[in-house]
């Protein structure tokens, strides 16, 4: 695996996201808070809609910080061919898919710990993706994922079913 393919999880404050984020990065708010008003725990900017290529990298990176990931919930319409499970680092990760269109991925650690990550579409521009990710990791964020993408210009309408034209 080359350095550019290595899993990347950054634990930066929202203002530092703008300097560190590129496609293939996950940004997760890992500090605990006394107030769970925030809607999202972080954001992920995959390089493609190929879940078999993208998810193992995300799971490996999150496992380093969260512990073993047991289940992932995905929007069925946002990904090419969803398997029901993947093996990542010799562990089975179950994949649940739902036709919800909510622009998130749900990560389960153990049986009860859930983390909700905004999924930034692969076609997003770097500036729009960074803005969306910065908003998603703000501890006081109460904006739904879809609205964050609209507000930051990363609306999913272009890239949901097909790759952007070049």
N, C-alpha and C. Protein backbone atom coordinates (compact mmCIF):
# COMPACT_ATOMS: atom_id res chain seq x y z
N UNK A 1 0.85 -1.17 0.00
CA UNK A 1 0.00 0.00 0.00
C UNK A 1 0.89 1.23 0.00
N UNK A 2 0.65 2.16 -0.89
CA UNK A 2 1.44 3.38 -0.95
C UNK A 2 0.92 4.37 0.07
N UNK A 3 1.73 5.42 0.37
CA UNK A 3 1.30 6.42 1.34
C UNK A 3 0.00 7.09 0.94
N UNK A 4 -0.23 7.26 -0.37
CA UNK A 4 -1.46 7.93 -0.81
C UNK A 4 -2.69 7.05 -0.62
N UNK A 5 -2.51 5.72 -0.49
CA UNK A 5 -3.63 4.83 -0.28
C UNK A 5 -3.85 4.52 1.20
N UNK A 6 -2.94 4.95 2.07
CA UNK A 6 -3.02 4.65 3.49
C UNK A 6 -4.27 5.29 4.07
N UNK A 7 -4.92 4.61 5.03
CA UNK A 7 -6.09 5.20 5.67
C UNK A 7 -5.73 6.51 6.33
N UNK A 8 -6.62 7.48 6.20
CA UNK A 8 -6.40 8.78 6.82
C UNK A 8 -7.62 9.16 7.63
N UNK A 9 -7.44 9.32 8.91
CA UNK A 9 -8.47 9.88 9.77
C UNK A 9 -7.81 11.06 10.46
N UNK A 10 -8.43 12.19 10.39
CA UNK A 10 -7.89 13.36 11.05
C UNK A 10 -8.81 13.76 12.19
N UNK A 11 -8.23 14.21 13.28
CA UNK A 11 -9.01 14.62 14.45
C UNK A 11 -8.82 16.11 14.66
N UNK A 12 -9.11 16.88 13.66
CA UNK A 12 -8.87 18.32 13.70
C UNK A 12 -10.13 19.08 14.06
N UNK A 13 -9.92 20.26 14.58
CA UNK A 13 -11.04 21.16 14.78
C UNK A 13 -11.51 21.67 13.42
N UNK A 14 -12.76 22.10 13.32
CA UNK A 14 -13.30 22.49 12.01
C UNK A 14 -12.45 23.47 11.23
N UNK A 15 -11.81 24.45 11.89
CA UNK A 15 -11.03 25.42 11.13
C UNK A 15 -9.77 24.81 10.54
N UNK A 16 -9.24 23.73 11.11
CA UNK A 16 -8.04 23.09 10.59
C UNK A 16 -8.35 22.11 9.45
N UNK A 17 -9.60 21.75 9.27
CA UNK A 17 -9.99 20.84 8.20
C UNK A 17 -9.55 21.38 6.85
N UNK A 18 -9.63 22.67 6.68
CA UNK A 18 -9.34 23.28 5.39
C UNK A 18 -7.91 23.05 4.93
N UNK A 19 -7.00 22.75 5.84
CA UNK A 19 -5.62 22.53 5.45
C UNK A 19 -5.29 21.06 5.22
N UNK A 20 -6.10 20.13 5.69
CA UNK A 20 -5.69 18.73 5.74
C UNK A 20 -6.51 17.77 4.89
N UNK A 21 -7.66 18.16 4.41
CA UNK A 21 -8.59 17.21 3.81
C UNK A 21 -8.38 17.06 2.31
N UNK A 22 -8.37 15.81 1.85
CA UNK A 22 -8.34 15.49 0.42
C UNK A 22 -9.20 14.25 0.22
N UNK A 23 -9.55 13.91 -1.02
CA UNK A 23 -10.39 12.71 -1.23
C UNK A 23 -9.76 11.49 -0.57
N UNK A 24 -10.60 10.67 0.05
CA UNK A 24 -10.13 9.50 0.76
C UNK A 24 -9.94 9.74 2.24
N UNK A 25 -10.34 10.91 2.73
CA UNK A 25 -10.14 11.28 4.13
C UNK A 25 -11.44 11.17 4.90
N UNK A 26 -11.32 10.75 6.15
CA UNK A 26 -12.43 10.81 7.09
C UNK A 26 -12.04 11.79 8.18
N UNK A 27 -12.98 12.59 8.62
CA UNK A 27 -12.77 13.53 9.71
C UNK A 27 -13.78 13.15 10.78
N UNK A 28 -13.28 12.86 11.98
CA UNK A 28 -14.16 12.38 13.04
C UNK A 28 -13.94 13.20 14.30
N UNK A 29 -15.04 13.60 14.93
CA UNK A 29 -14.97 14.29 16.21
C UNK A 29 -14.96 13.21 17.27
N UNK A 30 -13.82 13.00 17.91
CA UNK A 30 -13.68 11.90 18.86
C UNK A 30 -13.78 12.32 20.32
N UNK A 31 -13.75 13.61 20.58
CA UNK A 31 -13.85 14.02 21.98
C UNK A 31 -15.28 13.81 22.46
N UNK A 32 -15.42 13.49 23.72
CA UNK A 32 -16.75 13.28 24.27
C UNK A 32 -17.30 14.63 24.71
N UNK A 33 -18.58 14.75 24.67
CA UNK A 33 -19.23 15.97 25.13
C UNK A 33 -20.36 15.57 26.06
N UNK A 34 -20.79 16.51 26.91
CA UNK A 34 -21.90 16.24 27.82
C UNK A 34 -23.23 16.42 27.11
N UNK A 35 -23.20 17.06 25.97
CA UNK A 35 -24.42 17.39 25.24
C UNK A 35 -24.38 16.71 23.88
N UNK A 36 -25.38 15.90 23.54
CA UNK A 36 -25.42 15.18 22.26
C UNK A 36 -26.39 15.85 21.29
N UNK A 37 -26.41 17.17 21.25
CA UNK A 37 -27.29 17.86 20.31
C UNK A 37 -26.80 17.72 18.88
N UNK A 38 -25.51 17.55 18.68
CA UNK A 38 -24.97 17.44 17.33
C UNK A 38 -25.56 16.26 16.58
N UNK A 39 -25.80 16.44 15.31
CA UNK A 39 -26.41 15.41 14.48
C UNK A 39 -25.37 14.42 13.98
N UNK A 40 -24.17 14.90 13.65
CA UNK A 40 -23.14 14.08 13.03
C UNK A 40 -21.90 13.97 13.91
N UNK A 41 -21.19 12.86 13.75
CA UNK A 41 -19.95 12.66 14.50
C UNK A 41 -18.73 12.93 13.64
N UNK A 42 -18.94 13.17 12.36
CA UNK A 42 -17.82 13.43 11.47
C UNK A 42 -18.25 13.37 10.03
N UNK A 43 -17.26 13.20 9.15
CA UNK A 43 -17.53 13.19 7.71
C UNK A 43 -16.50 12.31 7.01
N UNK A 44 -16.88 11.84 5.85
CA UNK A 44 -16.02 10.98 5.03
C UNK A 44 -16.14 11.42 3.59
N UNK A 45 -15.01 11.56 2.92
CA UNK A 45 -14.97 11.96 1.51
C UNK A 45 -14.34 10.82 0.72
N UNK A 46 -15.13 9.84 0.30
CA UNK A 46 -14.57 8.72 -0.46
C UNK A 46 -14.11 9.17 -1.84
N UNK A 47 -13.21 8.40 -2.42
CA UNK A 47 -12.67 8.71 -3.76
C UNK A 47 -13.60 8.26 -4.87
N UNK A 48 -14.48 7.28 -4.57
CA UNK A 48 -15.36 6.72 -5.61
C UNK A 48 -16.63 6.18 -4.97
N UNK A 49 -17.51 5.63 -5.79
CA UNK A 49 -18.75 4.99 -5.33
C UNK A 49 -18.58 3.47 -5.24
N UNK A 50 -17.36 2.98 -5.30
CA UNK A 50 -17.06 1.56 -5.21
C UNK A 50 -16.84 1.20 -3.73
N UNK A 51 -17.89 0.73 -3.08
CA UNK A 51 -17.82 0.48 -1.64
C UNK A 51 -16.81 -0.59 -1.28
N UNK A 52 -16.60 -1.57 -2.16
CA UNK A 52 -15.61 -2.62 -1.88
C UNK A 52 -14.19 -2.05 -1.83
N UNK A 53 -13.94 -0.99 -2.56
CA UNK A 53 -12.63 -0.35 -2.53
C UNK A 53 -12.53 0.69 -1.41
N UNK A 54 -13.61 1.40 -1.14
CA UNK A 54 -13.58 2.52 -0.20
C UNK A 54 -13.77 2.11 1.26
N UNK A 55 -14.70 1.21 1.52
CA UNK A 55 -15.05 0.90 2.90
C UNK A 55 -13.92 0.26 3.71
N UNK A 56 -13.15 -0.67 3.16
CA UNK A 56 -12.07 -1.25 3.98
C UNK A 56 -11.08 -0.19 4.49
N UNK A 57 -10.79 0.81 3.69
CA UNK A 57 -9.87 1.87 4.10
C UNK A 57 -10.48 2.67 5.25
N UNK A 58 -11.77 3.01 5.13
CA UNK A 58 -12.45 3.75 6.19
C UNK A 58 -12.50 2.92 7.48
N UNK A 59 -12.91 1.67 7.37
CA UNK A 59 -13.03 0.82 8.56
C UNK A 59 -11.68 0.64 9.24
N UNK A 60 -10.64 0.41 8.47
CA UNK A 60 -9.30 0.25 9.05
C UNK A 60 -8.88 1.51 9.80
N UNK A 61 -9.13 2.66 9.21
CA UNK A 61 -8.74 3.92 9.85
C UNK A 61 -9.56 4.17 11.11
N UNK A 62 -10.87 3.93 11.06
CA UNK A 62 -11.71 4.16 12.22
C UNK A 62 -11.40 3.18 13.34
N UNK A 63 -11.08 1.95 12.99
CA UNK A 63 -10.76 0.93 13.99
C UNK A 63 -9.58 1.37 14.86
N UNK A 64 -8.64 2.06 14.25
CA UNK A 64 -7.47 2.55 14.98
C UNK A 64 -7.88 3.48 16.13
N UNK A 65 -8.93 4.27 15.93
CA UNK A 65 -9.35 5.25 16.92
C UNK A 65 -10.56 4.81 17.75
N UNK A 66 -11.46 4.02 17.16
CA UNK A 66 -12.70 3.66 17.83
C UNK A 66 -12.73 2.25 18.38
N UNK A 67 -11.84 1.41 17.89
CA UNK A 67 -11.91 -0.02 18.21
C UNK A 67 -12.62 -0.73 17.07
N UNK A 68 -12.83 -2.03 17.20
CA UNK A 68 -13.41 -2.82 16.10
C UNK A 68 -14.79 -2.33 15.64
N UNK A 69 -14.91 -2.16 14.34
CA UNK A 69 -16.18 -1.79 13.72
C UNK A 69 -16.88 -3.09 13.33
N UNK A 70 -18.13 -3.23 13.76
CA UNK A 70 -18.85 -4.48 13.51
C UNK A 70 -19.88 -4.37 12.40
N UNK A 71 -20.40 -3.16 12.17
CA UNK A 71 -21.49 -3.00 11.22
C UNK A 71 -21.42 -1.61 10.61
N UNK A 72 -21.84 -1.52 9.34
CA UNK A 72 -21.89 -0.25 8.63
C UNK A 72 -23.24 -0.16 7.94
N UNK A 73 -23.91 0.95 8.11
CA UNK A 73 -25.18 1.20 7.44
C UNK A 73 -24.98 2.23 6.34
N UNK A 74 -25.46 1.91 5.15
CA UNK A 74 -25.24 2.75 3.97
C UNK A 74 -26.53 3.00 3.22
N UNK A 75 -26.57 4.09 2.49
CA UNK A 75 -27.67 4.38 1.59
C UNK A 75 -27.48 3.56 0.32
N UNK A 76 -28.39 2.67 0.04
CA UNK A 76 -28.25 1.75 -1.10
C UNK A 76 -28.10 2.47 -2.44
N UNK A 77 -28.76 3.59 -2.62
CA UNK A 77 -28.71 4.30 -3.89
C UNK A 77 -27.43 5.08 -4.12
N UNK A 78 -26.61 5.23 -3.10
CA UNK A 78 -25.41 6.05 -3.23
C UNK A 78 -24.17 5.27 -3.63
N UNK A 79 -24.27 3.96 -3.71
CA UNK A 79 -23.08 3.12 -3.93
C UNK A 79 -23.31 2.13 -5.06
N UNK A 80 -22.23 1.77 -5.72
CA UNK A 80 -22.26 0.71 -6.72
C UNK A 80 -22.23 -0.63 -5.99
N UNK A 81 -23.06 -1.55 -6.36
CA UNK A 81 -23.06 -2.93 -5.85
C UNK A 81 -22.64 -3.07 -4.39
N UNK A 82 -23.62 -3.19 -3.51
CA UNK A 82 -23.34 -3.32 -2.08
C UNK A 82 -23.34 -4.78 -1.66
N UNK A 83 -22.24 -5.26 -1.10
CA UNK A 83 -22.22 -6.61 -0.53
C UNK A 83 -22.93 -6.59 0.82
N UNK A 84 -23.19 -7.73 1.40
CA UNK A 84 -23.81 -7.79 2.72
C UNK A 84 -22.77 -7.82 3.83
N UNK A 85 -21.52 -8.07 3.44
CA UNK A 85 -20.43 -8.04 4.41
C UNK A 85 -19.10 -7.94 3.69
N UNK A 86 -18.11 -7.45 4.40
CA UNK A 86 -16.74 -7.39 3.91
C UNK A 86 -15.82 -7.88 5.02
N UNK A 87 -14.70 -8.43 4.64
CA UNK A 87 -13.69 -8.80 5.62
C UNK A 87 -12.62 -7.72 5.58
N UNK A 88 -12.38 -7.10 6.74
CA UNK A 88 -11.39 -6.05 6.86
C UNK A 88 -10.46 -6.43 8.01
N UNK A 89 -9.19 -6.60 7.70
CA UNK A 89 -8.20 -6.97 8.71
C UNK A 89 -8.63 -8.22 9.48
N UNK A 90 -9.07 -9.23 8.73
CA UNK A 90 -9.49 -10.51 9.30
C UNK A 90 -10.73 -10.44 10.18
N UNK A 91 -11.50 -9.37 10.08
CA UNK A 91 -12.75 -9.24 10.82
C UNK A 91 -13.89 -9.04 9.84
N UNK A 92 -15.02 -9.67 10.11
CA UNK A 92 -16.19 -9.49 9.28
C UNK A 92 -16.92 -8.22 9.70
N UNK A 93 -17.18 -7.37 8.71
CA UNK A 93 -17.96 -6.16 8.93
C UNK A 93 -19.26 -6.33 8.16
N UNK A 94 -20.38 -6.34 8.86
CA UNK A 94 -21.69 -6.49 8.23
C UNK A 94 -22.12 -5.16 7.63
N UNK A 95 -22.74 -5.24 6.46
CA UNK A 95 -23.19 -4.03 5.76
C UNK A 95 -24.71 -4.07 5.64
N UNK A 96 -25.33 -3.06 6.17
CA UNK A 96 -26.78 -2.88 6.05
C UNK A 96 -27.00 -1.78 5.03
N UNK A 97 -27.95 -1.99 4.13
CA UNK A 97 -28.24 -0.94 3.15
C UNK A 97 -29.72 -0.61 3.20
N UNK A 98 -29.99 0.67 3.08
CA UNK A 98 -31.35 1.17 3.15
C UNK A 98 -31.54 2.22 2.06
N UNK A 99 -32.71 2.30 1.45
CA UNK A 99 -32.95 3.30 0.42
C UNK A 99 -33.39 4.63 1.03
N UNK A 100 -32.56 5.21 1.89
CA UNK A 100 -32.97 6.39 2.64
C UNK A 100 -32.52 7.70 2.03
N UNK A 101 -31.42 7.71 1.30
CA UNK A 101 -30.94 8.94 0.68
C UNK A 101 -30.59 10.03 1.66
N UNK A 102 -30.00 9.66 2.81
CA UNK A 102 -29.74 10.67 3.82
C UNK A 102 -28.29 11.17 3.86
N UNK A 103 -27.47 10.76 2.90
CA UNK A 103 -26.10 11.26 2.77
C UNK A 103 -25.23 10.98 3.99
N UNK A 104 -25.48 9.84 4.65
CA UNK A 104 -24.67 9.46 5.80
C UNK A 104 -24.24 8.01 5.69
N UNK A 105 -23.26 7.67 6.51
CA UNK A 105 -22.86 6.29 6.74
C UNK A 105 -22.90 6.12 8.26
N UNK A 106 -23.50 5.03 8.72
CA UNK A 106 -23.59 4.76 10.15
C UNK A 106 -22.59 3.66 10.51
N UNK A 107 -21.76 3.95 11.46
CA UNK A 107 -20.72 3.03 11.90
C UNK A 107 -21.11 2.48 13.27
N UNK A 108 -21.06 1.18 13.44
CA UNK A 108 -21.37 0.56 14.72
C UNK A 108 -20.12 -0.08 15.29
N UNK A 109 -19.82 0.28 16.51
CA UNK A 109 -18.72 -0.33 17.25
C UNK A 109 -19.38 -1.14 18.36
N UNK A 110 -19.05 -2.42 18.42
CA UNK A 110 -19.69 -3.28 19.41
C UNK A 110 -21.15 -3.48 19.04
N UNK A 111 -22.00 -3.47 20.03
CA UNK A 111 -23.43 -3.69 19.78
C UNK A 111 -24.26 -2.42 19.85
N UNK A 112 -23.75 -1.37 20.53
CA UNK A 112 -24.60 -0.22 20.76
C UNK A 112 -24.02 1.12 20.38
N UNK A 113 -22.72 1.23 20.23
CA UNK A 113 -22.11 2.52 19.92
C UNK A 113 -22.24 2.82 18.44
N UNK A 114 -22.91 3.91 18.12
CA UNK A 114 -23.14 4.30 16.73
C UNK A 114 -22.51 5.66 16.46
N UNK A 115 -21.92 5.78 15.29
CA UNK A 115 -21.32 7.03 14.84
C UNK A 115 -21.90 7.34 13.48
N UNK A 116 -22.36 8.56 13.29
CA UNK A 116 -22.96 8.97 12.03
C UNK A 116 -22.01 9.92 11.33
N UNK A 117 -21.62 9.55 10.10
CA UNK A 117 -20.71 10.37 9.32
C UNK A 117 -21.40 10.89 8.06
N UNK A 118 -21.23 12.17 7.80
CA UNK A 118 -21.66 12.75 6.54
C UNK A 118 -20.81 12.13 5.43
N UNK A 119 -21.42 11.77 4.31
CA UNK A 119 -20.66 11.27 3.16
C UNK A 119 -20.64 12.38 2.11
N UNK A 120 -19.43 12.89 1.87
CA UNK A 120 -19.24 13.91 0.85
C UNK A 120 -19.10 13.20 -0.49
N UNK A 121 -19.86 13.58 -1.50
CA UNK A 121 -19.79 12.88 -2.79
C UNK A 121 -18.39 12.97 -3.40
N UNK A 122 -17.95 11.90 -4.04
CA UNK A 122 -16.61 11.90 -4.65
C UNK A 122 -16.38 13.04 -5.63
N UNK A 123 -17.43 13.51 -6.29
CA UNK A 123 -17.28 14.57 -7.29
C UNK A 123 -17.15 15.97 -6.69
N UNK A 124 -17.25 16.09 -5.38
CA UNK A 124 -17.22 17.42 -4.75
C UNK A 124 -15.89 18.12 -5.01
N UNK A 125 -15.96 19.43 -5.14
CA UNK A 125 -14.73 20.21 -5.26
C UNK A 125 -14.04 20.23 -3.90
N UNK A 126 -12.73 20.40 -3.87
CA UNK A 126 -12.03 20.43 -2.58
C UNK A 126 -12.57 21.49 -1.62
N UNK A 127 -12.85 22.68 -2.10
CA UNK A 127 -13.35 23.73 -1.21
C UNK A 127 -14.71 23.38 -0.64
N UNK A 128 -15.60 22.87 -1.47
CA UNK A 128 -16.94 22.49 -0.99
C UNK A 128 -16.85 21.32 -0.02
N UNK A 129 -16.02 20.33 -0.33
CA UNK A 129 -15.87 19.17 0.54
C UNK A 129 -15.31 19.58 1.90
N UNK A 130 -14.32 20.43 1.89
CA UNK A 130 -13.73 20.88 3.15
C UNK A 130 -14.74 21.66 3.99
N UNK A 131 -15.52 22.50 3.34
CA UNK A 131 -16.54 23.26 4.07
C UNK A 131 -17.58 22.33 4.68
N UNK A 132 -18.02 21.33 3.93
CA UNK A 132 -19.01 20.37 4.42
C UNK A 132 -18.44 19.58 5.59
N UNK A 133 -17.20 19.14 5.47
CA UNK A 133 -16.59 18.34 6.53
C UNK A 133 -16.37 19.18 7.79
N UNK A 134 -15.99 20.43 7.62
CA UNK A 134 -15.80 21.31 8.78
C UNK A 134 -17.12 21.50 9.52
N UNK A 135 -18.20 21.68 8.78
CA UNK A 135 -19.52 21.84 9.40
C UNK A 135 -19.94 20.56 10.13
N UNK A 136 -19.68 19.41 9.53
CA UNK A 136 -20.09 18.13 10.11
C UNK A 136 -19.39 17.85 11.45
N UNK A 137 -18.17 18.31 11.63
CA UNK A 137 -17.45 18.00 12.87
C UNK A 137 -17.62 19.07 13.96
N UNK A 138 -18.34 20.12 13.66
CA UNK A 138 -18.61 21.12 14.70
C UNK A 138 -19.47 20.48 15.79
N UNK A 139 -19.04 20.58 17.03
CA UNK A 139 -19.75 19.95 18.15
C UNK A 139 -21.18 20.45 18.29
N UNK A 140 -21.45 21.70 17.90
CA UNK A 140 -22.79 22.25 18.06
C UNK A 140 -23.63 22.17 16.78
N UNK A 141 -23.15 21.43 15.79
CA UNK A 141 -23.89 21.32 14.54
C UNK A 141 -25.21 20.57 14.75
N UNK A 142 -26.30 21.14 14.28
CA UNK A 142 -27.59 20.46 14.33
C UNK A 142 -28.21 20.37 12.94
N UNK A 143 -27.43 20.65 11.92
CA UNK A 143 -27.90 20.61 10.54
C UNK A 143 -27.79 19.20 9.99
N UNK A 144 -28.83 18.74 9.31
CA UNK A 144 -28.83 17.40 8.70
C UNK A 144 -27.81 17.34 7.57
N UNK A 145 -27.34 16.15 7.28
CA UNK A 145 -26.31 15.94 6.26
C UNK A 145 -26.72 16.52 4.90
N UNK A 146 -27.91 16.22 4.46
CA UNK A 146 -28.36 16.71 3.15
C UNK A 146 -28.29 18.23 3.07
N UNK A 147 -28.70 18.91 4.12
CA UNK A 147 -28.68 20.37 4.12
C UNK A 147 -27.26 20.91 4.13
N UNK A 148 -26.36 20.25 4.83
CA UNK A 148 -24.95 20.67 4.82
C UNK A 148 -24.41 20.60 3.41
N UNK A 149 -24.71 19.52 2.70
CA UNK A 149 -24.22 19.38 1.32
C UNK A 149 -24.81 20.46 0.41
N UNK A 150 -26.05 20.77 0.58
CA UNK A 150 -26.68 21.83 -0.21
C UNK A 150 -26.04 23.19 0.12
N UNK A 151 -25.91 23.47 1.41
CA UNK A 151 -25.38 24.76 1.85
C UNK A 151 -23.94 24.99 1.41
N UNK A 152 -23.17 23.91 1.25
CA UNK A 152 -21.75 24.05 0.90
C UNK A 152 -21.48 23.79 -0.58
N UNK A 153 -22.53 23.58 -1.36
CA UNK A 153 -22.36 23.39 -2.79
C UNK A 153 -21.89 22.01 -3.19
N UNK A 154 -22.08 21.03 -2.33
CA UNK A 154 -21.69 19.65 -2.67
C UNK A 154 -22.92 18.79 -2.89
N UNK A 155 -24.01 19.39 -3.31
CA UNK A 155 -25.26 18.68 -3.54
C UNK A 155 -25.02 17.37 -4.26
N UNK A 156 -25.66 16.31 -3.80
CA UNK A 156 -25.42 14.97 -4.31
C UNK A 156 -26.12 14.68 -5.63
N UNK A 157 -26.94 15.56 -6.11
CA UNK A 157 -27.69 15.28 -7.33
C UNK A 157 -26.85 14.92 -8.53
N UNK A 158 -25.64 15.45 -8.65
CA UNK A 158 -24.79 15.19 -9.82
C UNK A 158 -24.17 13.81 -9.79
N UNK A 159 -23.67 13.38 -8.63
CA UNK A 159 -22.84 12.19 -8.62
C UNK A 159 -23.42 10.97 -7.98
N UNK A 160 -24.67 10.99 -7.59
CA UNK A 160 -25.23 9.87 -6.85
C UNK A 160 -25.23 8.58 -7.66
N UNK A 161 -25.69 8.60 -8.86
CA UNK A 161 -25.80 7.37 -9.64
C UNK A 161 -24.67 7.16 -10.61
N UNK A 162 -24.05 8.22 -11.02
CA UNK A 162 -22.99 8.08 -12.03
C UNK A 162 -21.83 9.01 -11.68
N UNK A 163 -20.69 8.66 -12.18
CA UNK A 163 -19.50 9.48 -11.96
C UNK A 163 -19.64 10.78 -12.74
N UNK A 164 -19.00 11.85 -12.27
CA UNK A 164 -19.11 13.11 -13.00
C UNK A 164 -18.40 13.02 -14.34
N UNK A 165 -18.89 13.80 -15.29
CA UNK A 165 -18.26 13.82 -16.60
C UNK A 165 -16.95 14.58 -16.52
N UNK A 166 -15.98 14.15 -17.29
CA UNK A 166 -14.70 14.84 -17.30
C UNK A 166 -14.45 15.50 -18.63
